[in-house]
C-alpha cells in the first residue's frame, strides 16, 4: 500500500473474527495523465509464525516487494499438460522455510486460486489483494480465501528430511 499517491481506504468492513475487508484506492501519474487504481483487500489477523512473503503473478508487485534480503521462488504444482499464463512468484525472506511450505502443499493452494489475486504474509497478518472496484461476492470470496490461507500457515509445514520445520 505504498504504491502511487493520493492513497486512501475508501471503504472498510470488519468483524469479530479478525477479518478486515476494505477497498483501497491510489493514483499514479500526474496532472492529465492520472489514473486511479482500485483494490479489494482482505486482511486476517493471525499469529502465523511465518517470515515475510509476497506471492503474485503481477510483475510490478514483484518489483515493489523486492528487498536485498529476499529471494524469489517460482511456485509449481500445475497438473501435467496445463500451462499457467503468468507464473506465480514468491518473494520471500526465508527461502528454506517457504520452500518447505510450498513443497508440502501450499504451492498447490496458491495455484488453485484465481490468477489475478496476490497475497502477502507479514507479521501478524495474512493479506489477499484483487484489483477492481467493490464487488460484494468477490470480496466475500477473497475474505474466505485469506482465512483459509491463515489456517494453512498456522499449521506450519510438515517436517521434511532436507528442511526441518
C-alpha atoms as a PDB file:
ATOM      1  CA  UNK A   1       0.000   0.000   0.000  1.00  0.00           C
ATOM      2  CA  UNK A   2       2.908   2.306  -0.648  1.00  0.00           C
ATOM      3  CA  UNK A   3       2.460   2.478  -4.419  1.00  0.00           C
ATOM      4  CA  UNK A   4       1.207   5.664  -6.074  1.00  0.00           C
ATOM      5  CA  UNK A   5      -0.042   8.805  -4.424  1.00  0.00           C
ATOM      6  CA  UNK A   6      -3.370  10.042  -3.053  1.00  0.00           C
ATOM      7  CA  UNK A   7      -3.604   6.698  -1.273  1.00  0.00           C
ATOM      8  CA  UNK A   8      -6.744   6.063   0.747  1.00  0.00           C
ATOM      9  CA  UNK A   9      -9.010   3.402   2.126  1.00  0.00           C
ATOM     10  CA  UNK A  10     -12.382   4.080   0.529  1.00  0.00           C
ATOM     11  CA  UNK A  11     -14.467   1.532   2.471  1.00  0.00           C
ATOM     12  CA  UNK A  12     -13.875  -0.782   5.420  1.00  0.00           C
ATOM     13  CA  UNK A  13     -15.758  -3.739   6.802  1.00  0.00           C
ATOM     14  CA  UNK A  14     -14.603  -5.562   9.947  1.00  0.00           C
ATOM     15  CA  UNK A  15     -15.925  -8.378  12.058  1.00  0.00           C
ATOM     16  CA  UNK A  16     -15.283 -10.142  15.358  1.00  0.00           C
ATOM     17  CA  UNK A  17     -13.284 -12.903  13.652  1.00  0.00           C
ATOM     18  CA  UNK A  18     -10.281 -10.644  12.998  1.00  0.00           C
ATOM     19  CA  UNK A  19     -11.124 -10.371   9.303  1.00  0.00           C
ATOM     20  CA  UNK A  20     -10.976  -6.894   7.767  1.00  0.00           C
ATOM     21  CA  UNK A  21     -12.288  -6.194   4.277  1.00  0.00           C
ATOM     22  CA  UNK A  22     -11.511  -2.913   2.572  1.00  0.00           C
ATOM     23  CA  UNK A  23     -11.360  -1.065  -0.702  1.00  0.00           C
ATOM     24  CA  UNK A  24      -8.032   0.654  -1.260  1.00  0.00           C
ATOM     25  CA  UNK A  25      -7.538   3.384  -3.868  1.00  0.00           C
ATOM     26  CA  UNK A  26      -4.353   5.017  -5.108  1.00  0.00           C
ATOM     27  CA  UNK A  27      -3.408   7.146  -8.085  1.00  0.00           C
ATOM     28  CA  UNK A  28      -0.467   7.040 -10.447  1.00  0.00           C
ATOM     29  CA  UNK A  29       0.674   9.632 -12.958  1.00  0.00           C
ATOM     30  CA  UNK A  30       0.383  13.400 -12.781  1.00  0.00           C
ATOM     31  CA  UNK A  31      -1.986  16.113 -13.954  1.00  0.00           C
ATOM     32  CA  UNK A  32      -3.924  14.981 -17.045  1.00  0.00           C
ATOM     33  CA  UNK A  33      -2.346  11.529 -17.089  1.00  0.00           C
ATOM     34  CA  UNK A  34      -3.599  10.490 -13.653  1.00  0.00           C
ATOM     35  CA  UNK A  35      -5.088   7.061 -13.248  1.00  0.00           C
ATOM     36  CA  UNK A  36      -6.976   5.665 -10.248  1.00  0.00           C
ATOM     37  CA  UNK A  37      -6.357   2.069  -9.172  1.00  0.00           C
ATOM     38  CA  UNK A  38      -8.867   0.184  -7.005  1.00  0.00           C
ATOM     39  CA  UNK A  39      -8.069  -2.879  -4.907  1.00  0.00           C
ATOM     40  CA  UNK A  40     -10.257  -5.185  -2.883  1.00  0.00           C
ATOM     41  CA  UNK A  41      -8.280  -6.235   0.184  1.00  0.00           C
ATOM     42  CA  UNK A  42      -8.916  -8.908   2.818  1.00  0.00           C
ATOM     43  CA  UNK A  43      -6.629  -8.887   5.867  1.00  0.00           C
ATOM     44  CA  UNK A  44      -6.780 -11.522   8.581  1.00  0.00           C
ATOM     45  CA  UNK A  45      -5.076 -11.038  11.942  1.00  0.00           C
ATOM     46  CA  UNK A  46      -3.268 -14.206  12.988  1.00  0.00           C
ATOM     47  CA  UNK A  47      -0.063 -15.214  14.745  1.00  0.00           C
ATOM     48  CA  UNK A  48       1.172 -17.497  11.974  1.00  0.00           C
ATOM     49  CA  UNK A  49       4.886 -17.547  12.856  1.00  0.00           C
ATOM     50  CA  UNK A  50       5.969 -17.129   9.222  1.00  0.00           C
ATOM     51  CA  UNK A  51       8.571 -14.816   7.787  1.00  0.00           C
ATOM     52  CA  UNK A  52       7.515 -12.252   5.193  1.00  0.00           C
ATOM     53  CA  UNK A  53       6.381 -13.348   1.740  1.00  0.00           C
ATOM     54  CA  UNK A  54       4.576 -11.874  -1.254  1.00  0.00           C
ATOM     55  CA  UNK A  55       3.022 -14.259  -3.797  1.00  0.00           C
ATOM     56  CA  UNK A  56       1.873 -12.792  -7.095  1.00  0.00           C
ATOM     57  CA  UNK A  57       1.849 -13.056 -10.878  1.00  0.00           C
ATOM     58  CA  UNK A  58       1.994  -9.246 -11.174  1.00  0.00           C
ATOM     59  CA  UNK A  59       5.412  -8.013 -12.391  1.00  0.00           C
ATOM     60  CA  UNK A  60       5.018  -4.574 -10.825  1.00  0.00           C
ATOM     61  CA  UNK A  61       4.106  -6.070  -7.428  1.00  0.00           C
ATOM     62  CA  UNK A  62       7.106  -8.396  -7.567  1.00  0.00           C
ATOM     63  CA  UNK A  63       9.306  -5.349  -8.144  1.00  0.00           C
ATOM     64  CA  UNK A  64       7.649  -3.446  -5.281  1.00  0.00           C
ATOM     65  CA  UNK A  65       8.034  -6.400  -2.881  1.00  0.00           C
ATOM     66  CA  UNK A  66      11.700  -6.943  -3.638  1.00  0.00           C
ATOM     67  CA  UNK A  67      14.281  -6.183  -0.937  1.00  0.00           C
ATOM     68  CA  UNK A  68      18.003  -7.047  -0.778  1.00  0.00           C
ATOM     69  CA  UNK A  69      17.485  -9.810   1.810  1.00  0.00           C
ATOM     70  CA  UNK A  70      14.724 -11.516  -0.207  1.00  0.00           C
ATOM     71  CA  UNK A  71      14.806 -14.450  -2.577  1.00  0.00           C
ATOM     72  CA  UNK A  72      12.481 -15.256  -5.448  1.00  0.00           C
ATOM     73  CA  UNK A  73      10.836 -18.691  -5.667  1.00  0.00           C
ATOM     74  CA  UNK A  74       8.725 -19.898  -8.577  1.00  0.00           C
ATOM     75  CA  UNK A  75       5.643 -21.811  -7.488  1.00  0.00           C
ATOM     76  CA  UNK A  76       4.926 -25.137  -9.131  1.00  0.00           C
ATOM     77  CA  UNK A  77       2.080 -27.559  -8.867  1.00  0.00           C
ATOM     78  CA  UNK A  78       0.200 -27.196 -12.144  1.00  0.00           C
ATOM     79  CA  UNK A  79      -1.082 -30.568 -13.364  1.00  0.00           C
ATOM     80  CA  UNK A  80       0.822 -32.033 -16.314  1.00  0.00           C
ATOM     81  CA  UNK A  81      -0.349 -30.638 -19.638  1.00  0.00           C
ATOM     82  CA  UNK A  82      -1.736 -27.415 -18.169  1.00  0.00           C
ATOM     83  CA  UNK A  83       0.106 -24.140 -18.566  1.00  0.00           C
ATOM     84  CA  UNK A  84      -0.375 -21.120 -16.358  1.00  0.00           C
ATOM     85  CA  UNK A  85      -0.197 -17.945 -18.491  1.00  0.00           C
ATOM     86  CA  UNK A  86       1.822 -15.984 -15.937  1.00  0.00           C
ATOM     87  CA  UNK A  87       3.890 -17.831 -13.355  1.00  0.00           C
ATOM     88  CA  UNK A  88       3.285 -17.233  -9.680  1.00  0.00           C
ATOM     89  CA  UNK A  89       6.393 -15.933  -7.981  1.00  0.00           C
ATOM     90  CA  UNK A  90       7.009 -15.714  -4.253  1.00  0.00           C
ATOM     91  CA  UNK A  91       9.324 -13.029  -2.909  1.00  0.00           C
ATOM     92  CA  UNK A  92      10.381 -14.406   0.494  1.00  0.00           C
ATOM     93  CA  UNK A  93      12.661 -13.539   3.390  1.00  0.00           C
ATOM     94  CA  UNK A  94      13.477 -17.143   4.344  1.00  0.00           C
ATOM     95  CA  UNK A  95      13.768 -19.327   1.242  1.00  0.00           C
ATOM     96  CA  UNK A  96      14.220 -22.586   3.190  1.00  0.00           C
ATOM     97  CA  UNK A  97      11.090 -22.000   5.280  1.00  0.00           C
ATOM     98  CA  UNK A  98       8.915 -21.082   2.299  1.00  0.00           C
ATOM     99  CA  UNK A  99      10.333 -23.803   0.054  1.00  0.00           C
ATOM    100  CA  UNK A 100       9.317 -26.363   2.699  1.00  0.00           C
ATOM    101  CA  UNK A 101       5.836 -24.837   2.942  1.00  0.00           C
ATOM    102  CA  UNK A 102       5.392 -24.796  -0.837  1.00  0.00           C
ATOM    103  CA  UNK A 103       6.616 -28.390  -1.268  1.00  0.00           C
ATOM    104  CA  UNK A 104       4.189 -29.566   1.427  1.00  0.00           C
ATOM    105  CA  UNK A 105       1.027 -28.459  -0.370  1.00  0.00           C
ATOM    106  CA  UNK A 106       0.939 -24.682  -0.078  1.00  0.00           C
ATOM    107  CA  UNK A 107       2.126 -24.202  -3.667  1.00  0.00           C
ATOM    108  CA  UNK A 108      -0.888 -26.189  -4.894  1.00  0.00           C
ATOM    109  CA  UNK A 109      -3.243 -23.994  -2.825  1.00  0.00           C
ATOM    110  CA  UNK A 110      -1.861 -20.813  -4.407  1.00  0.00           C
ATOM    111  CA  UNK A 111      -2.002 -22.327  -7.910  1.00  0.00           C
ATOM    112  CA  UNK A 112      -5.699 -23.150  -7.441  1.00  0.00           C
ATOM    113  CA  UNK A 113      -6.533 -19.521  -6.567  1.00  0.00           C
ATOM    114  CA  UNK A 114      -7.641 -17.061  -9.269  1.00  0.00           C
ATOM    115  CA  UNK A 115      -4.526 -15.818 -11.086  1.00  0.00           C
ATOM    116  CA  UNK A 116      -5.475 -12.162 -10.610  1.00  0.00           C
ATOM    117  CA  UNK A 117      -5.104 -12.374  -6.820  1.00  0.00           C
ATOM    118  CA  UNK A 118      -1.946 -11.521  -4.904  1.00  0.00           C
ATOM    119  CA  UNK A 119      -1.021 -12.487  -1.364  1.00  0.00           C
ATOM    120  CA  UNK A 120       1.136 -11.059   1.362  1.00  0.00           C
ATOM    121  CA  UNK A 121       2.243 -12.651   4.630  1.00  0.00           C
ATOM    122  CA  UNK A 122       3.582 -10.166   7.157  1.00  0.00           C
ATOM    123  CA  UNK A 123       3.979 -10.394  10.928  1.00  0.00           C
ATOM    124  CA  UNK A 124       0.516 -10.776  12.457  1.00  0.00           C
ATOM    125  CA  UNK A 125      -1.381 -10.575   9.141  1.00  0.00           C
ATOM    126  CA  UNK A 126      -2.265 -12.569   6.055  1.00  0.00           C
ATOM    127  CA  UNK A 127      -3.492 -10.321   3.246  1.00  0.00           C
ATOM    128  CA  UNK A 128      -5.157 -11.040  -0.101  1.00  0.00           C
ATOM    129  CA  UNK A 129      -5.481  -8.460  -2.896  1.00  0.00           C
ATOM    130  CA  UNK A 130      -7.536  -8.316  -6.068  1.00  0.00           C
ATOM    131  CA  UNK A 131      -7.579  -5.398  -8.449  1.00  0.00           C
ATOM    132  CA  UNK A 132     -11.018  -3.928  -9.100  1.00  0.00           C
ATOM    133  CA  UNK A 133     -13.835  -1.880  -7.700  1.00  0.00           C
ATOM    134  CA  UNK A 134     -16.041  -3.132  -4.878  1.00  0.00           C
ATOM    135  CA  UNK A 135     -17.888  -6.330  -5.731  1.00  0.00           C
ATOM    136  CA  UNK A 136     -19.606  -7.956  -2.731  1.00  0.00           C
ATOM    137  CA  UNK A 137     -19.286 -11.572  -3.873  1.00  0.00           C
ATOM    138  CA  UNK A 138     -15.643 -11.208  -4.921  1.00  0.00           C
ATOM    139  CA  UNK A 139     -14.754  -9.503  -1.640  1.00  0.00           C
ATOM    140  CA  UNK A 140     -16.524 -12.265   0.329  1.00  0.00           C
ATOM    141  CA  UNK A 141     -14.654 -14.961  -1.609  1.00  0.00           C
ATOM    142  CA  UNK A 142     -11.356 -13.144  -1.036  1.00  0.00           C
ATOM    143  CA  UNK A 143     -12.109 -12.995   2.691  1.00  0.00           C
ATOM    144  CA  UNK A 144     -12.870 -16.716   2.799  1.00  0.00           C
ATOM    145  CA  UNK A 145      -9.638 -17.489   0.933  1.00  0.00           C
ATOM    146  CA  UNK A 146      -7.474 -15.328   3.199  1.00  0.00           C
ATOM    147  CA  UNK A 147      -8.952 -17.048   6.285  1.00  0.00           C
ATOM    148  CA  UNK A 148      -8.189 -20.430   4.714  1.00  0.00           C
ATOM    149  CA  UNK A 149      -4.614 -19.356   3.947  1.00  0.00           C
ATOM    150  CA  UNK A 150      -4.187 -18.131   7.540  1.00  0.00           C
ATOM    151  CA  UNK A 151      -5.285 -21.572   8.815  1.00  0.00           C
ATOM    152  CA  UNK A 152      -2.857 -23.335   6.476  1.00  0.00           C
ATOM    153  CA  UNK A 153       0.040 -21.109   7.531  1.00  0.00           C
ATOM    154  CA  UNK A 154      -0.738 -21.512  11.221  1.00  0.00           C
ATOM    155  CA  UNK A 155      -0.369 -25.284  10.877  1.00  0.00           C
ATOM    156  CA  UNK A 156       3.165 -24.870   9.521  1.00  0.00           C
ATOM    157  CA  UNK A 157       4.950 -27.115   7.037  1.00  0.00           C
ATOM    158  CA  UNK A 158       5.220 -30.818   7.603  1.00  0.00           C
ATOM    159  CA  UNK A 159       8.775 -31.822   8.558  1.00  0.00           C
ATOM    160  CA  UNK A 160      10.929 -32.846   5.611  1.00  0.00           C
ATOM    161  CA  UNK A 161      14.285 -34.615   5.574  1.00  0.00           C
ATOM    162  CA  UNK A 162      16.054 -31.741   3.765  1.00  0.00           C
ATOM    163  CA  UNK A 163      14.485 -28.801   5.597  1.00  0.00           C
ATOM    164  CA  UNK A 164      13.243 -29.295   9.154  1.00  0.00           C
ATOM    165  CA  UNK A 165      10.177 -27.294  10.157  1.00  0.00           C
END
